[in-house]
Amino acid sequence: AFVQRPLPPRAVRGAAQKVIAIARQLDLVSHYEENDYAILLPATNRKQAGEFAQTVAKVLLSQPLTPDMDPKALVLRMGVASFPEDTSHPGILLAAAAEAKDTAVKDNKPIVLFAET
């Protein structure tokens, strides 16, 4: 059976560098909770946020994050929530993104928009 484990620090650094390279100057990439990360995309609607998530997936899955990493070893699960389309309250926005990510995990999908839950 395949056991999912957090990325080793070297791979996290590699992933962060790739994501930061495609992010805009206003975007904020941050550690969020235990083994999760959040990307805040100001002035970005739901469609654009979904497209950004697809770009992140493509960039992170296109080649291994470290030379010794199996390219198929990385499992991505992203939840996307949008302001103001999904909610105008910051706390609810985070909860909506977390719920979308939980749905992505449950449904074994790389990306789920909150609007799809």
N, C-alpha and C. Protein backbone atom coordinates (compact mmCIF):
# COMPACT_ATOMS: atom_id res chain seq x y z
N ALA A 1 0.84 -1.19 0.00
CA ALA A 1 0.00 0.00 0.00
C ALA A 1 0.88 1.25 0.00
N PHE A 2 0.40 2.26 -0.66
CA PHE A 2 1.13 3.53 -0.75
C PHE A 2 0.84 4.38 0.46
N VAL A 3 1.87 4.80 1.17
CA VAL A 3 1.71 5.63 2.36
C VAL A 3 2.12 7.06 2.02
N GLN A 4 1.21 7.99 2.27
CA GLN A 4 1.54 9.40 2.02
C GLN A 4 2.28 9.96 3.21
N ARG A 5 3.39 10.65 2.91
CA ARG A 5 4.20 11.29 3.94
C ARG A 5 4.43 12.74 3.54
N PRO A 6 4.68 13.59 4.53
CA PRO A 6 5.03 14.98 4.20
C PRO A 6 6.32 15.02 3.37
N LEU A 7 6.45 16.05 2.58
CA LEU A 7 7.66 16.23 1.78
C LEU A 7 8.86 16.48 2.68
N PRO A 8 10.02 15.97 2.32
CA PRO A 8 11.24 16.35 3.07
C PRO A 8 11.54 17.83 2.84
N PRO A 9 12.26 18.46 3.77
CA PRO A 9 12.53 19.90 3.66
C PRO A 9 13.11 20.34 2.32
N ARG A 10 14.02 19.54 1.75
CA ARG A 10 14.61 19.90 0.44
C ARG A 10 13.54 19.99 -0.64
N ALA A 11 12.61 19.07 -0.62
CA ALA A 11 11.54 19.06 -1.62
C ALA A 11 10.57 20.23 -1.38
N VAL A 12 10.31 20.56 -0.12
CA VAL A 12 9.46 21.71 0.20
C VAL A 12 10.10 22.98 -0.35
N ARG A 13 11.40 23.13 -0.15
CA ARG A 13 12.11 24.30 -0.68
C ARG A 13 12.00 24.35 -2.19
N GLY A 14 12.19 23.22 -2.85
CA GLY A 14 12.08 23.16 -4.31
C GLY A 14 10.69 23.53 -4.78
N ALA A 15 9.67 23.03 -4.09
CA ALA A 15 8.28 23.34 -4.45
C ALA A 15 8.01 24.84 -4.25
N ALA A 16 8.46 25.37 -3.12
CA ALA A 16 8.24 26.79 -2.83
C ALA A 16 8.90 27.67 -3.88
N GLN A 17 10.10 27.32 -4.28
CA GLN A 17 10.80 28.11 -5.31
C GLN A 17 10.02 28.10 -6.62
N LYS A 18 9.48 26.95 -6.99
CA LYS A 18 8.71 26.85 -8.24
C LYS A 18 7.42 27.66 -8.15
N VAL A 19 6.73 27.59 -7.02
CA VAL A 19 5.47 28.33 -6.86
C VAL A 19 5.74 29.84 -6.83
N ILE A 20 6.75 30.25 -6.09
CA ILE A 20 7.08 31.68 -6.00
C ILE A 20 7.46 32.23 -7.37
N ALA A 21 8.10 31.40 -8.19
CA ALA A 21 8.51 31.84 -9.53
C ALA A 21 7.31 32.16 -10.43
N ILE A 22 6.16 31.51 -10.19
CA ILE A 22 4.99 31.78 -11.03
C ILE A 22 4.00 32.73 -10.37
N ALA A 23 4.22 33.04 -9.09
CA ALA A 23 3.33 33.95 -8.37
C ALA A 23 3.62 35.40 -8.76
N ARG A 24 2.61 36.24 -8.62
CA ARG A 24 2.80 37.67 -8.86
C ARG A 24 3.36 38.32 -7.60
N GLN A 25 3.82 39.54 -7.74
CA GLN A 25 4.43 40.25 -6.61
C GLN A 25 3.47 40.40 -5.44
N LEU A 26 2.18 40.59 -5.70
CA LEU A 26 1.18 40.76 -4.63
C LEU A 26 0.77 39.46 -3.95
N ASP A 27 0.98 38.33 -4.60
CA ASP A 27 0.55 37.04 -4.07
C ASP A 27 1.37 36.67 -2.83
N LEU A 28 0.73 35.95 -1.92
CA LEU A 28 1.40 35.54 -0.69
C LEU A 28 1.39 34.02 -0.58
N VAL A 29 2.58 33.44 -0.54
CA VAL A 29 2.74 31.99 -0.38
C VAL A 29 3.18 31.76 1.06
N SER A 30 2.45 30.89 1.78
CA SER A 30 2.72 30.74 3.20
C SER A 30 2.47 29.32 3.68
N HIS A 31 3.20 28.93 4.73
CA HIS A 31 2.92 27.67 5.42
C HIS A 31 1.59 27.84 6.14
N TYR A 32 0.77 26.79 6.14
CA TYR A 32 -0.55 26.88 6.78
C TYR A 32 -0.83 25.54 7.45
N GLU A 33 -0.94 25.56 8.75
CA GLU A 33 -1.17 24.37 9.55
C GLU A 33 -0.01 23.37 9.37
N GLU A 34 -0.23 22.12 9.74
CA GLU A 34 0.86 21.16 9.86
C GLU A 34 1.65 20.93 8.57
N ASN A 35 1.03 20.35 7.57
CA ASN A 35 1.73 20.05 6.32
C ASN A 35 1.03 20.68 5.12
N ASP A 36 0.34 21.79 5.36
CA ASP A 36 -0.39 22.47 4.30
C ASP A 36 0.23 23.83 4.03
N TYR A 37 -0.12 24.36 2.87
CA TYR A 37 0.37 25.66 2.46
C TYR A 37 -0.80 26.44 1.88
N ALA A 38 -0.75 27.75 2.00
CA ALA A 38 -1.81 28.61 1.48
C ALA A 38 -1.18 29.60 0.51
N ILE A 39 -1.92 29.91 -0.53
CA ILE A 39 -1.51 30.95 -1.46
C ILE A 39 -2.66 31.93 -1.56
N LEU A 40 -2.42 33.17 -1.15
CA LEU A 40 -3.43 34.22 -1.25
C LEU A 40 -3.18 34.98 -2.54
N LEU A 41 -4.22 35.10 -3.34
CA LEU A 41 -4.12 35.74 -4.65
C LEU A 41 -5.04 36.96 -4.69
N PRO A 42 -4.55 38.13 -4.25
CA PRO A 42 -5.40 39.33 -4.26
C PRO A 42 -5.84 39.67 -5.69
N ALA A 43 -7.02 40.28 -5.80
CA ALA A 43 -7.56 40.73 -7.08
C ALA A 43 -7.61 39.59 -8.10
N THR A 44 -8.04 38.41 -7.64
CA THR A 44 -8.12 37.24 -8.50
C THR A 44 -9.49 36.61 -8.32
N ASN A 45 -10.22 36.42 -9.42
CA ASN A 45 -11.54 35.80 -9.29
C ASN A 45 -11.42 34.28 -9.25
N ARG A 46 -12.56 33.62 -9.07
CA ARG A 46 -12.57 32.16 -8.94
C ARG A 46 -11.95 31.47 -10.15
N LYS A 47 -12.31 31.91 -11.34
CA LYS A 47 -11.79 31.29 -12.57
C LYS A 47 -10.27 31.43 -12.63
N GLN A 48 -9.78 32.63 -12.35
CA GLN A 48 -8.34 32.88 -12.37
C GLN A 48 -7.62 32.07 -11.28
N ALA A 49 -8.23 31.95 -10.10
CA ALA A 49 -7.62 31.18 -9.02
C ALA A 49 -7.55 29.69 -9.41
N GLY A 50 -8.60 29.18 -10.03
CA GLY A 50 -8.57 27.79 -10.52
C GLY A 50 -7.49 27.58 -11.56
N GLU A 51 -7.35 28.55 -12.46
CA GLU A 51 -6.29 28.45 -13.49
C GLU A 51 -4.91 28.50 -12.85
N PHE A 52 -4.74 29.35 -11.83
CA PHE A 52 -3.46 29.41 -11.12
C PHE A 52 -3.17 28.06 -10.46
N ALA A 53 -4.17 27.46 -9.82
CA ALA A 53 -3.99 26.15 -9.18
C ALA A 53 -3.57 25.11 -10.22
N GLN A 54 -4.16 25.16 -11.41
CA GLN A 54 -3.77 24.22 -12.47
C GLN A 54 -2.32 24.45 -12.89
N THR A 55 -1.91 25.71 -12.94
CA THR A 55 -0.51 26.02 -13.28
C THR A 55 0.42 25.52 -12.19
N VAL A 56 0.04 25.71 -10.94
CA VAL A 56 0.86 25.20 -9.82
C VAL A 56 1.01 23.68 -9.95
N ALA A 57 -0.09 22.99 -10.20
CA ALA A 57 -0.04 21.53 -10.34
C ALA A 57 0.89 21.14 -11.48
N LYS A 58 0.76 21.81 -12.61
CA LYS A 58 1.60 21.49 -13.77
C LYS A 58 3.08 21.69 -13.45
N VAL A 59 3.39 22.82 -12.81
CA VAL A 59 4.78 23.15 -12.47
C VAL A 59 5.35 22.14 -11.47
N LEU A 60 4.56 21.78 -10.45
CA LEU A 60 5.07 20.88 -9.41
C LEU A 60 5.13 19.42 -9.87
N LEU A 61 4.26 19.04 -10.79
CA LEU A 61 4.22 17.63 -11.22
C LEU A 61 5.03 17.37 -12.49
N SER A 62 5.55 18.42 -13.13
CA SER A 62 6.24 18.24 -14.41
C SER A 62 7.60 17.55 -14.26
N GLN A 63 8.26 17.77 -13.14
CA GLN A 63 9.53 17.11 -12.90
C GLN A 63 9.74 16.97 -11.40
N PRO A 64 10.57 16.02 -10.98
CA PRO A 64 10.77 15.78 -9.54
C PRO A 64 11.26 17.04 -8.82
N LEU A 65 10.86 17.19 -7.56
CA LEU A 65 11.28 18.34 -6.77
C LEU A 65 12.72 18.22 -6.31
N THR A 66 13.22 17.00 -6.22
CA THR A 66 14.63 16.75 -5.90
C THR A 66 15.12 15.67 -6.86
N PRO A 67 16.42 15.64 -7.14
CA PRO A 67 16.94 14.67 -8.12
C PRO A 67 16.63 13.21 -7.78
N ASP A 68 16.53 12.89 -6.48
CA ASP A 68 16.32 11.49 -6.09
C ASP A 68 14.85 11.15 -5.85
N MET A 69 13.95 12.07 -6.19
CA MET A 69 12.52 11.85 -5.92
C MET A 69 11.84 11.22 -7.13
N ASP A 70 11.03 10.21 -6.87
CA ASP A 70 10.23 9.58 -7.91
C ASP A 70 9.21 10.61 -8.41
N PRO A 71 9.17 10.89 -9.71
CA PRO A 71 8.26 11.91 -10.23
C PRO A 71 6.78 11.62 -9.91
N LYS A 72 6.44 10.36 -9.73
CA LYS A 72 5.05 10.00 -9.44
C LYS A 72 4.76 10.00 -7.93
N ALA A 73 5.76 10.35 -7.12
CA ALA A 73 5.60 10.28 -5.67
C ALA A 73 4.83 11.47 -5.09
N LEU A 74 4.78 12.57 -5.82
CA LEU A 74 4.13 13.77 -5.29
C LEU A 74 2.62 13.69 -5.48
N VAL A 75 1.89 13.87 -4.39
CA VAL A 75 0.43 13.90 -4.42
C VAL A 75 0.00 15.31 -4.05
N LEU A 76 -0.72 15.97 -4.94
CA LEU A 76 -1.21 17.32 -4.68
C LEU A 76 -2.71 17.30 -4.43
N ARG A 77 -3.13 18.04 -3.43
CA ARG A 77 -4.55 18.21 -3.15
C ARG A 77 -4.76 19.69 -2.81
N MET A 78 -5.47 20.40 -3.67
CA MET A 78 -5.68 21.84 -3.47
C MET A 78 -7.16 22.16 -3.40
N GLY A 79 -7.50 23.02 -2.47
CA GLY A 79 -8.85 23.56 -2.36
C GLY A 79 -8.80 25.04 -2.68
N VAL A 80 -9.74 25.51 -3.50
CA VAL A 80 -9.76 26.90 -3.93
C VAL A 80 -11.07 27.55 -3.50
N ALA A 81 -10.97 28.66 -2.78
CA ALA A 81 -12.14 29.47 -2.43
C ALA A 81 -11.85 30.90 -2.86
N SER A 82 -12.91 31.61 -3.20
CA SER A 82 -12.73 32.93 -3.79
C SER A 82 -13.51 34.02 -3.06
N PHE A 83 -12.89 35.17 -2.96
CA PHE A 83 -13.51 36.37 -2.38
C PHE A 83 -13.82 37.33 -3.51
N PRO A 84 -14.97 37.86 -3.68
CA PRO A 84 -16.16 37.71 -2.86
C PRO A 84 -17.14 36.65 -3.37
N GLU A 85 -16.78 35.90 -4.41
CA GLU A 85 -17.72 34.96 -5.02
C GLU A 85 -18.23 33.90 -4.03
N ASP A 86 -17.34 33.35 -3.20
CA ASP A 86 -17.76 32.33 -2.24
C ASP A 86 -18.18 32.93 -0.90
N THR A 87 -17.49 33.96 -0.46
CA THR A 87 -17.81 34.64 0.80
C THR A 87 -17.01 35.94 0.87
N SER A 88 -17.47 36.85 1.71
CA SER A 88 -16.72 38.09 1.91
C SER A 88 -16.08 38.13 3.31
N HIS A 89 -16.18 37.02 4.05
CA HIS A 89 -15.62 36.95 5.40
C HIS A 89 -14.31 36.15 5.37
N PRO A 90 -13.19 36.73 5.84
CA PRO A 90 -11.89 36.04 5.76
C PRO A 90 -11.87 34.67 6.42
N GLY A 91 -12.47 34.54 7.60
CA GLY A 91 -12.46 33.24 8.30
C GLY A 91 -13.25 32.19 7.55
N ILE A 92 -14.37 32.60 7.00
CA ILE A 92 -15.19 31.67 6.23
C ILE A 92 -14.47 31.30 4.93
N LEU A 93 -13.74 32.25 4.36
CA LEU A 93 -12.98 31.97 3.14
C LEU A 93 -11.94 30.87 3.39
N LEU A 94 -11.23 30.96 4.52
CA LEU A 94 -10.25 29.91 4.86
C LEU A 94 -10.95 28.57 5.08
N ALA A 95 -12.09 28.59 5.77
CA ALA A 95 -12.84 27.36 6.01
C ALA A 95 -13.35 26.76 4.70
N ALA A 96 -13.77 27.62 3.77
CA ALA A 96 -14.25 27.15 2.46
C ALA A 96 -13.11 26.50 1.68
N ALA A 97 -11.93 27.11 1.69
CA ALA A 97 -10.78 26.53 1.01
C ALA A 97 -10.40 25.19 1.64
N ALA A 98 -10.44 25.12 2.98
CA ALA A 98 -10.13 23.87 3.67
C ALA A 98 -11.14 22.78 3.33
N GLU A 99 -12.42 23.15 3.25
CA GLU A 99 -13.45 22.17 2.89
C GLU A 99 -13.24 21.67 1.46
N ALA A 100 -12.88 22.58 0.56
CA ALA A 100 -12.60 22.18 -0.83
C ALA A 100 -11.39 21.24 -0.88
N LYS A 101 -10.37 21.53 -0.06
CA LYS A 101 -9.20 20.65 -0.04
C LYS A 101 -9.56 19.28 0.53
N ASP A 102 -10.37 19.26 1.58
CA ASP A 102 -10.82 17.98 2.14
C ASP A 102 -11.58 17.17 1.08
N THR A 103 -12.38 17.85 0.28
CA THR A 103 -13.10 17.17 -0.81
C THR A 103 -12.11 16.64 -1.84
N ALA A 104 -11.06 17.41 -2.14
CA ALA A 104 -10.03 16.95 -3.07
C ALA A 104 -9.36 15.68 -2.56
N VAL A 105 -9.08 15.64 -1.26
CA VAL A 105 -8.47 14.45 -0.65
C VAL A 105 -9.43 13.27 -0.76
N LYS A 106 -10.67 13.49 -0.35
CA LYS A 106 -11.68 12.42 -0.33
C LYS A 106 -11.94 11.88 -1.74
N ASP A 107 -12.01 12.80 -2.72
CA ASP A 107 -12.32 12.40 -4.09
C ASP A 107 -11.08 12.07 -4.93
N ASN A 108 -9.90 12.15 -4.30
CA ASN A 108 -8.64 11.85 -4.98
C ASN A 108 -8.45 12.71 -6.24
N LYS A 109 -8.68 14.02 -6.08
CA LYS A 109 -8.51 14.98 -7.17
C LYS A 109 -7.43 15.98 -6.79
N PRO A 110 -6.67 16.47 -7.75
CA PRO A 110 -5.64 17.46 -7.40
C PRO A 110 -6.21 18.82 -7.00
N ILE A 111 -7.34 19.24 -7.62
CA ILE A 111 -7.89 20.57 -7.37
C ILE A 111 -9.41 20.49 -7.26
N VAL A 112 -9.95 21.12 -6.23
CA VAL A 112 -11.40 21.25 -6.11
C VAL A 112 -11.71 22.70 -5.75
N LEU A 113 -12.63 23.30 -6.49
CA LEU A 113 -13.11 24.64 -6.17
C LEU A 113 -14.23 24.50 -5.13
N PHE A 114 -14.29 25.42 -4.17
CA PHE A 114 -15.33 25.37 -3.15
C PHE A 114 -16.72 25.32 -3.80
N ALA A 115 -16.88 26.05 -4.89
CA ALA A 115 -18.18 26.09 -5.59
C ALA A 115 -18.61 24.70 -6.08
N GLU A 116 -17.67 23.76 -6.19
CA GLU A 116 -17.96 22.41 -6.65
C GLU A 116 -18.31 21.45 -5.51
N THR A 117 -18.18 21.91 -4.26
CA THR A 117 -18.42 21.01 -3.13
C THR A 117 -19.88 20.92 -2.77
